Amino acid sequence: MTALIELRDVARVFRTETVETHALRGVSMDVRAGEFVALTGPSGCGKSTLLNLLGLLDSPSTGTYRLNGVDVGSMGFDDRARERNRSIGFVFQAFQLIPELSVLDNVMLPARYAERPPEHAQDVARQLLERVGIAHRAGHLPTQLSGGQQQRVAIARAMFMSPALLLLDEPTGNLDAASGRAIMDLVGELHEGGTTVVLVTHEPSFAARAARVVHLLDGVLEHAH
């Protein structure tokens, strides 16, 4: 089976006039469709940089990234934006909900950028809110929700376009322990439903839920098991 994600000798260098920072140094890895992979490592080791590359929010300085068999380096800006909206769901530590929009409208945000938004988009959003256990808050504003509830909304939004790939950057980092476990249970259910999941986490017990753990140290893939 062709890997959904293929990285070959990917490096990412950030340059200013005086400093050159090597965030990733020759990373090669594959992620098969339907896998659940955890990325671990100390702060500043390159985990978020790698996730941003996988999510088409950034590009490698050198090396190649193929997503679903397509060389990302050959895509123009608009193509990358379309592919990101169609194929990738992103969940961040800080929720990143629009405070002026209702929970339902936040979940439907990807429809604004889609060439072909789902038919009956509002029904799709309501079903997703049901799935993440927060349908009763559809008309509320994000500020009226707890942190755990806001992260459920963020996950529903990430799943709105039925992405092949779900990327999560420390999704439990701003939550209490019980809410964090509940979010990870939800991520596990989405994976069991067929979604490919790549999770960045500092929490060993959450990383242990993945089928494979990839450890980064100073921008280098140290080991995977």
Protein backbone atom coordinates (compact mmCIF):
# COMPACT_ATOMS: atom_id res chain seq x y z
CA MET A 1 0.00 0.00 0.00
CA THR A 2 1.30 3.46 -0.90
CA ALA A 3 1.99 5.55 2.17
CA LEU A 4 -0.30 8.51 2.76
CA ILE A 5 2.75 10.46 3.97
CA GLU A 6 6.26 9.98 2.54
CA LEU A 7 9.09 12.18 3.81
CA ARG A 8 12.56 11.76 2.30
CA ASP A 9 15.55 13.54 3.83
CA VAL A 10 13.48 16.58 4.79
CA ALA A 11 15.28 19.54 6.37
CA ARG A 12 13.85 22.84 7.52
CA VAL A 13 16.15 25.78 8.13
CA PHE A 14 14.98 29.14 9.48
CA ARG A 15 17.33 32.03 8.68
CA THR A 16 17.62 35.57 9.95
CA GLU A 17 20.44 37.98 9.12
CA THR A 18 22.50 36.69 12.02
CA VAL A 19 21.16 33.24 12.94
CA GLU A 20 20.53 29.97 11.10
CA THR A 21 18.31 27.50 12.96
CA HIS A 22 18.11 23.89 11.77
CA ALA A 23 14.66 22.84 12.99
CA LEU A 24 14.64 19.54 11.06
CA ARG A 25 17.70 17.68 9.85
CA GLY A 26 17.19 15.00 7.21
CA VAL A 27 13.92 13.46 8.43
CA SER A 28 12.64 10.43 6.52
CA MET A 29 9.46 8.61 7.51
CA ASP A 30 6.31 7.06 6.09
CA VAL A 31 2.82 7.03 7.54
CA ARG A 32 0.36 4.56 6.03
CA ALA A 33 -3.30 5.36 5.56
CA GLY A 34 -5.21 4.48 8.73
CA GLU A 35 -2.17 4.63 11.05
CA PHE A 36 -2.04 6.39 14.42
CA VAL A 37 1.43 7.87 14.99
CA ALA A 38 2.58 9.91 18.00
CA LEU A 39 5.43 12.44 17.73
CA THR A 40 7.31 12.96 20.98
CA GLY A 41 10.42 14.80 22.10
CA PRO A 42 11.50 17.79 24.23
CA SER A 43 10.36 21.36 23.56
CA GLY A 44 12.15 22.90 20.59
CA CYS A 45 13.06 19.56 19.00
CA GLY A 46 11.11 20.19 15.78
CA LYS A 47 7.77 18.47 16.47
CA SER A 48 5.55 21.44 15.59
CA THR A 49 7.75 22.30 12.60
CA LEU A 50 7.28 18.76 11.30
CA LEU A 51 3.52 18.91 11.89
CA ASN A 52 3.31 22.23 10.01
CA LEU A 53 5.12 20.63 7.06
CA LEU A 54 2.76 17.64 7.11
CA GLY A 55 -0.20 20.04 7.23
CA LEU A 56 1.02 22.08 4.23
CA LEU A 57 1.37 25.16 6.41
CA ASP A 58 5.11 25.23 5.64
CA SER A 59 7.53 23.74 3.09
CA PRO A 60 10.80 21.81 3.46
CA SER A 61 14.03 23.72 2.84
CA THR A 62 15.38 20.55 1.21
CA GLY A 63 14.09 17.02 0.71
CA THR A 64 10.72 15.82 -0.55
CA TYR A 65 7.26 15.37 0.94
CA ARG A 66 4.71 13.30 -0.94
CA LEU A 67 1.11 13.38 0.30
CA ASN A 68 -1.05 10.61 -1.11
CA GLY A 69 1.53 10.07 -3.85
CA VAL A 70 1.73 13.73 -4.91
CA ASP A 71 4.96 15.70 -4.50
CA VAL A 72 3.94 18.68 -2.37
CA GLY A 73 6.88 20.67 -3.75
CA SER A 74 5.20 20.69 -7.17
CA MET A 75 2.05 22.37 -5.82
CA GLY A 76 1.42 26.08 -6.13
CA PHE A 77 0.08 28.15 -3.23
CA ASP A 78 -3.58 27.77 -4.27
CA ASP A 79 -3.21 24.02 -4.85
CA ARG A 80 -1.71 23.60 -1.40
CA ALA A 81 -4.54 25.60 0.20
CA ARG A 82 -7.15 23.50 -1.60
CA GLU A 83 -5.45 20.24 -0.65
CA ARG A 84 -5.11 21.37 2.97
CA ASN A 85 -8.81 22.19 3.21
CA ARG A 86 -9.87 18.99 1.47
CA SER A 87 -7.52 16.39 2.98
CA ILE A 88 -6.19 17.66 6.32
CA GLY A 89 -7.81 18.44 9.65
CA PHE A 90 -5.68 20.44 12.11
CA VAL A 91 -6.27 20.68 15.87
CA PHE A 92 -4.13 23.06 17.93
CA GLN A 93 -3.45 23.41 21.63
CA ALA A 94 -5.13 26.83 21.71
CA PHE A 95 -8.45 25.75 20.07
CA GLN A 96 -8.39 28.72 17.61
CA LEU A 97 -12.15 29.13 17.49
CA ILE A 98 -13.70 32.38 16.22
CA PRO A 99 -15.17 34.00 19.37
CA GLU A 100 -17.91 35.92 17.53
CA LEU A 101 -19.29 32.81 15.82
CA SER A 102 -21.57 30.21 17.37
CA VAL A 103 -20.29 26.69 17.95
CA LEU A 104 -22.25 25.49 14.90
CA ASP A 105 -20.82 28.23 12.66
CA ASN A 106 -17.29 27.50 13.89
CA VAL A 107 -17.66 23.87 12.83
CA MET A 108 -18.93 24.99 9.42
CA LEU A 109 -15.99 27.37 8.78
CA PRO A 110 -14.18 25.01 6.34
CA ALA A 111 -17.20 25.24 4.03
CA ARG A 112 -16.30 28.88 3.33
CA TYR A 113 -13.02 27.83 1.74
CA ALA A 114 -14.19 24.66 0.02
CA GLU A 115 -14.74 24.41 -3.72
CA ARG A 116 -17.48 21.89 -3.00
CA PRO A 117 -18.76 22.22 0.54
CA PRO A 118 -20.74 19.22 1.80
CA GLU A 119 -24.38 19.14 0.84
CA HIS A 120 -26.55 20.03 3.80
CA ALA A 121 -23.48 21.50 5.54
CA GLN A 122 -25.47 22.45 8.63
CA ASP A 123 -26.70 18.87 9.03
CA VAL A 124 -23.11 17.60 8.69
CA ALA A 125 -21.98 20.07 11.38
CA ARG A 126 -24.79 19.04 13.74
CA GLN A 127 -23.95 15.35 13.26
CA LEU A 128 -20.31 16.06 14.10
CA LEU A 129 -21.28 17.99 17.22
CA GLU A 130 -23.42 15.00 18.20
CA ARG A 131 -20.45 12.72 17.59
CA VAL A 132 -18.15 14.76 19.84
CA GLY A 133 -20.82 15.01 22.53
CA ILE A 134 -21.59 18.70 22.40
CA ALA A 135 -24.63 19.08 20.15
CA HIS A 136 -26.56 20.73 23.00
CA ARG A 137 -24.14 23.70 22.81
CA ALA A 138 -24.53 24.36 19.07
CA GLY A 139 -25.96 27.85 19.57
CA HIS A 140 -23.47 28.97 22.23
CA LEU A 141 -20.37 31.10 21.73
CA PRO A 142 -16.94 29.54 22.39
CA THR A 143 -16.43 31.80 25.43
CA GLN A 144 -19.44 30.14 27.06
CA LEU A 145 -17.74 26.71 26.91
CA SER A 146 -15.11 25.03 29.05
CA GLY A 147 -11.69 24.30 27.59
CA GLY A 148 -12.55 20.64 27.04
CA GLN A 149 -15.77 21.59 25.27
CA GLN A 150 -13.95 24.11 23.06
CA GLN A 151 -11.45 21.44 22.02
CA ARG A 152 -14.34 19.13 21.08
CA VAL A 153 -15.66 21.91 18.83
CA ALA A 154 -12.19 22.30 17.30
CA ILE A 155 -12.07 18.56 16.57
CA ALA A 156 -15.54 18.65 15.00
CA ARG A 157 -14.39 21.55 12.79
CA ALA A 158 -11.25 19.61 11.80
CA MET A 159 -13.41 16.64 10.75
CA PHE A 160 -15.95 18.73 8.79
CA MET A 161 -14.49 17.93 5.35
CA SER A 162 -13.93 14.25 6.27
CA PRO A 163 -10.14 14.63 5.97
CA ALA A 164 -7.91 11.65 5.30
CA LEU A 165 -5.37 13.03 7.78
CA LEU A 166 -5.93 14.47 11.27
CA LEU A 167 -2.99 16.41 12.76
CA LEU A 168 -3.09 17.30 16.46
CA ASP A 169 -0.52 19.62 18.05
CA GLU A 170 -0.62 19.12 21.85
CA PRO A 171 -4.45 19.05 21.81
CA THR A 172 -4.63 18.38 25.57
CA GLY A 173 -1.99 20.93 26.58
CA ASN A 174 -4.49 23.50 27.89
CA LEU A 175 -6.86 20.99 29.51
CA ASP A 176 -7.19 19.40 32.93
CA ALA A 177 -6.35 15.69 33.21
CA ALA A 178 -9.93 14.39 32.92
CA SER A 179 -10.72 16.58 29.89
CA GLY A 180 -7.43 15.54 28.28
CA ARG A 181 -8.27 11.86 28.63
CA ALA A 182 -11.75 12.47 27.20
CA ILE A 183 -10.26 14.24 24.17
CA MET A 184 -7.82 11.36 23.63
CA ASP A 185 -10.70 8.87 23.84
CA LEU A 186 -12.41 10.87 21.10
CA VAL A 187 -9.24 10.88 18.96
CA GLY A 188 -9.05 7.11 19.38
CA GLU A 189 -12.64 6.74 18.16
CA LEU A 190 -11.91 8.85 15.08
CA HIS A 191 -8.87 6.69 14.32
CA GLU A 192 -10.93 3.52 14.69
CA GLY A 193 -13.33 5.05 12.18
CA GLY A 194 -10.54 5.08 9.58
CA THR A 195 -8.90 8.50 9.99
CA THR A 196 -5.09 8.66 9.83
CA VAL A 197 -3.86 10.43 12.97
CA VAL A 198 -0.53 12.13 13.73
CA LEU A 199 -0.40 13.42 17.31
CA VAL A 200 2.24 15.67 18.88
CA THR A 201 2.25 15.17 22.65
CA HIS A 202 4.46 15.51 25.71
CA GLU A 203 2.28 13.07 27.64
CA PRO A 204 3.68 9.49 27.61
CA SER A 205 0.31 7.90 28.44
CA PHE A 206 -1.27 9.61 25.42
CA ALA A 207 1.63 8.70 23.11
CA ALA A 208 1.20 5.09 24.25
CA ARG A 209 -2.26 5.04 22.67
CA ALA A 210 -0.68 5.33 19.22
CA ALA A 211 0.34 2.26 17.23
CA ARG A 212 3.76 3.83 16.64
CA VAL A 213 5.78 6.42 18.53
CA VAL A 214 8.31 8.59 16.69
CA HIS A 215 10.83 10.47 18.84
CA LEU A 216 12.48 13.68 17.67
CA LEU A 217 15.63 15.14 19.20
CA ASP A 218 17.29 18.29 17.85
CA GLY A 219 15.48 17.95 14.53
CA VAL A 220 16.55 14.33 14.01
CA LEU A 221 14.30 11.28 14.05
CA GLU A 222 15.86 9.42 16.94
CA HIS A 223 13.84 6.24 16.94
CA ALA A 224 10.43 4.87 16.09
CA HIS A 225 8.70 1.88 17.63
